[in-house]
Amino acid sequence: MKDPKSQGKGGLNAEIQSRIGHQLRAMYDDVVRQGVPDRFAELIRKLDSPPEDAASTPEQTAKNDGRD
């Protein structure tokens, strides 16, 4: 019978888990170093900025929808 201390979830031993962990860290570090593409950064800026018609509240918009 195998030593339960050397087995992780799914039957992976500590060495295999460690190798997977190192590979995942290396992949993650590479992605982080790449940064955010300019088009995504621009999209994020647009989503974070208030809409151009933000001066009117939803209540005002409902009152001024032309159904007076």
N, C-alpha and C. Protein backbone atom coordinates (compact mmCIF):
# COMPACT_ATOMS: atom_id res chain seq x y z
N MET A 1 0.84 -1.18 0.00
CA MET A 1 0.00 0.00 0.00
C MET A 1 0.89 1.25 0.00
N LYS A 2 0.47 2.29 -0.69
CA LYS A 2 1.25 3.51 -0.80
C LYS A 2 1.16 4.33 0.48
N ASP A 3 2.22 5.11 0.73
CA ASP A 3 2.26 5.98 1.89
C ASP A 3 1.30 7.15 1.67
N PRO A 4 0.24 7.31 2.50
CA PRO A 4 -0.73 8.38 2.29
C PRO A 4 -0.13 9.78 2.43
N LYS A 5 0.99 9.91 3.14
CA LYS A 5 1.62 11.23 3.31
C LYS A 5 2.23 11.72 2.00
N SER A 6 2.64 10.81 1.12
CA SER A 6 3.27 11.22 -0.13
C SER A 6 2.24 11.47 -1.23
N GLN A 7 0.99 11.16 -0.96
CA GLN A 7 -0.06 11.34 -1.95
C GLN A 7 -0.86 12.60 -1.64
N GLY A 8 -1.16 13.37 -2.67
CA GLY A 8 -2.01 14.55 -2.53
C GLY A 8 -3.38 14.23 -3.07
N LYS A 9 -4.13 15.26 -3.35
CA LYS A 9 -5.45 15.07 -3.94
C LYS A 9 -5.29 14.44 -5.32
N GLY A 10 -6.13 13.52 -5.64
CA GLY A 10 -6.09 12.89 -6.94
C GLY A 10 -4.95 11.91 -7.11
N GLY A 11 -4.26 11.58 -6.03
CA GLY A 11 -3.20 10.59 -6.11
C GLY A 11 -1.86 11.12 -6.59
N LEU A 12 -1.65 12.44 -6.62
CA LEU A 12 -0.37 12.99 -7.05
C LEU A 12 0.57 13.07 -5.86
N ASN A 13 1.80 12.61 -6.06
CA ASN A 13 2.74 12.67 -4.95
C ASN A 13 3.30 14.09 -4.81
N ALA A 14 4.02 14.33 -3.75
CA ALA A 14 4.51 15.67 -3.43
C ALA A 14 5.44 16.21 -4.51
N GLU A 15 6.25 15.35 -5.11
CA GLU A 15 7.18 15.81 -6.15
C GLU A 15 6.42 16.31 -7.38
N ILE A 16 5.42 15.58 -7.79
CA ILE A 16 4.62 15.98 -8.95
C ILE A 16 3.87 17.28 -8.65
N GLN A 17 3.29 17.39 -7.47
CA GLN A 17 2.60 18.61 -7.08
C GLN A 17 3.55 19.80 -7.10
N SER A 18 4.77 19.58 -6.63
CA SER A 18 5.76 20.65 -6.61
C SER A 18 6.12 21.08 -8.03
N ARG A 19 6.32 20.12 -8.91
CA ARG A 19 6.64 20.46 -10.32
C ARG A 19 5.51 21.23 -10.97
N ILE A 20 4.28 20.79 -10.75
CA ILE A 20 3.13 21.49 -11.31
C ILE A 20 3.06 22.91 -10.75
N GLY A 21 3.30 23.05 -9.47
CA GLY A 21 3.28 24.38 -8.84
C GLY A 21 4.32 25.31 -9.45
N HIS A 22 5.51 24.81 -9.66
CA HIS A 22 6.59 25.62 -10.27
C HIS A 22 6.22 26.03 -11.69
N GLN A 23 5.66 25.10 -12.46
CA GLN A 23 5.27 25.42 -13.83
C GLN A 23 4.14 26.45 -13.87
N LEU A 24 3.17 26.31 -12.98
CA LEU A 24 2.08 27.28 -12.93
C LEU A 24 2.58 28.67 -12.55
N ARG A 25 3.51 28.72 -11.58
CA ARG A 25 4.08 30.03 -11.19
C ARG A 25 4.83 30.67 -12.34
N ALA A 26 5.59 29.87 -13.06
CA ALA A 26 6.36 30.39 -14.20
C ALA A 26 5.41 30.93 -15.28
N MET A 27 4.33 30.21 -15.55
CA MET A 27 3.36 30.67 -16.56
C MET A 27 2.69 31.95 -16.08
N TYR A 28 2.30 32.01 -14.83
CA TYR A 28 1.63 33.19 -14.28
C TYR A 28 2.57 34.40 -14.34
N ASP A 29 3.82 34.20 -13.94
CA ASP A 29 4.79 35.30 -13.98
C ASP A 29 4.96 35.84 -15.39
N ASP A 30 4.98 34.95 -16.37
CA ASP A 30 5.11 35.36 -17.77
C ASP A 30 3.92 36.21 -18.20
N VAL A 31 2.72 35.79 -17.82
CA VAL A 31 1.51 36.54 -18.18
C VAL A 31 1.51 37.91 -17.52
N VAL A 32 1.91 37.98 -16.26
CA VAL A 32 1.95 39.26 -15.55
C VAL A 32 2.96 40.20 -16.19
N ARG A 33 4.10 39.69 -16.61
CA ARG A 33 5.13 40.52 -17.25
C ARG A 33 4.66 41.11 -18.57
N GLN A 34 3.74 40.43 -19.25
CA GLN A 34 3.26 40.91 -20.54
C GLN A 34 2.46 42.19 -20.42
N GLY A 35 1.83 42.41 -19.30
CA GLY A 35 1.05 43.62 -19.11
C GLY A 35 -0.28 43.57 -19.84
N VAL A 36 -1.00 44.69 -19.76
CA VAL A 36 -2.32 44.79 -20.37
C VAL A 36 -2.18 45.42 -21.76
N PRO A 37 -2.72 44.79 -22.79
CA PRO A 37 -2.66 45.38 -24.13
C PRO A 37 -3.34 46.75 -24.16
N ASP A 38 -2.84 47.64 -25.03
CA ASP A 38 -3.37 49.00 -25.10
C ASP A 38 -4.87 49.03 -25.35
N ARG A 39 -5.36 48.15 -26.21
CA ARG A 39 -6.80 48.18 -26.51
C ARG A 39 -7.63 47.79 -25.29
N PHE A 40 -7.12 46.89 -24.46
CA PHE A 40 -7.84 46.53 -23.24
C PHE A 40 -7.78 47.67 -22.23
N ALA A 41 -6.62 48.31 -22.12
CA ALA A 41 -6.48 49.44 -21.19
C ALA A 41 -7.45 50.56 -21.58
N GLU A 42 -7.57 50.82 -22.89
CA GLU A 42 -8.50 51.86 -23.36
C GLU A 42 -9.94 51.47 -23.04
N LEU A 43 -10.29 50.22 -23.24
CA LEU A 43 -11.64 49.76 -22.93
C LEU A 43 -11.92 49.91 -21.43
N ILE A 44 -10.96 49.56 -20.60
CA ILE A 44 -11.13 49.70 -19.14
C ILE A 44 -11.33 51.16 -18.78
N ARG A 45 -10.54 52.07 -19.39
CA ARG A 45 -10.71 53.50 -19.12
C ARG A 45 -12.12 53.96 -19.51
N LYS A 46 -12.61 53.50 -20.64
CA LYS A 46 -13.96 53.88 -21.08
C LYS A 46 -15.02 53.35 -20.12
N LEU A 47 -14.85 52.13 -19.66
CA LEU A 47 -15.82 51.55 -18.74
C LEU A 47 -15.79 52.22 -17.37
N ASP A 48 -14.62 52.68 -16.95
CA ASP A 48 -14.49 53.34 -15.66
C ASP A 48 -14.98 54.77 -15.66
N SER A 49 -14.96 55.42 -16.83
CA SER A 49 -15.38 56.82 -16.88
C SER A 49 -16.90 56.90 -16.89
N PRO A 50 -17.45 57.98 -16.32
CA PRO A 50 -18.91 58.13 -16.31
C PRO A 50 -19.43 58.36 -17.73
N PRO A 51 -20.64 57.94 -17.99
CA PRO A 51 -21.21 58.16 -19.33
C PRO A 51 -21.33 59.65 -19.62
N GLU A 52 -21.35 60.01 -20.90
CA GLU A 52 -21.40 61.41 -21.28
C GLU A 52 -22.67 62.09 -20.80
N ASP A 53 -23.76 61.36 -20.70
CA ASP A 53 -25.02 61.94 -20.24
C ASP A 53 -25.24 61.66 -18.75
N ALA A 54 -24.17 61.55 -17.98
CA ALA A 54 -24.27 61.24 -16.56
C ALA A 54 -24.91 62.37 -15.78
N ALA A 55 -25.00 63.57 -16.35
CA ALA A 55 -25.61 64.70 -15.65
C ALA A 55 -27.08 64.44 -15.38
N SER A 56 -27.74 63.68 -16.22
CA SER A 56 -29.15 63.38 -15.99
C SER A 56 -29.28 62.06 -15.25
N THR A 57 -30.10 62.06 -14.24
CA THR A 57 -30.33 60.85 -13.46
C THR A 57 -31.38 60.01 -14.16
N PRO A 58 -31.52 58.75 -13.82
CA PRO A 58 -32.55 57.92 -14.45
C PRO A 58 -33.96 58.51 -14.28
N GLU A 59 -34.22 59.14 -13.12
CA GLU A 59 -35.53 59.75 -12.90
C GLU A 59 -35.77 60.89 -13.89
N GLN A 60 -34.75 61.71 -14.12
CA GLN A 60 -34.87 62.81 -15.04
C GLN A 60 -35.07 62.29 -16.47
N THR A 61 -34.37 61.24 -16.81
CA THR A 61 -34.49 60.65 -18.14
C THR A 61 -35.91 60.13 -18.35
N ALA A 62 -36.49 59.49 -17.34
CA ALA A 62 -37.84 58.97 -17.45
C ALA A 62 -38.84 60.11 -17.62
N LYS A 63 -38.63 61.22 -16.93
CA LYS A 63 -39.52 62.38 -17.04
C LYS A 63 -39.39 63.05 -18.41
N ASN A 64 -38.22 62.98 -19.00
CA ASN A 64 -37.95 63.69 -20.25
C ASN A 64 -37.90 62.75 -21.45
N ASP A 65 -38.67 61.69 -21.42
CA ASP A 65 -38.58 60.73 -22.52
C ASP A 65 -39.53 61.06 -23.66
N GLY A 66 -40.16 62.22 -23.64
CA GLY A 66 -41.02 62.65 -24.73
C GLY A 66 -42.47 62.19 -24.57
N ARG A 67 -42.82 61.60 -23.45
CA ARG A 67 -44.19 61.14 -23.24
C ARG A 67 -44.97 62.08 -22.34
N ASP A 68 -44.58 63.33 -22.24
CA ASP A 68 -45.27 64.29 -21.36
C ASP A 68 -46.67 64.58 -21.83
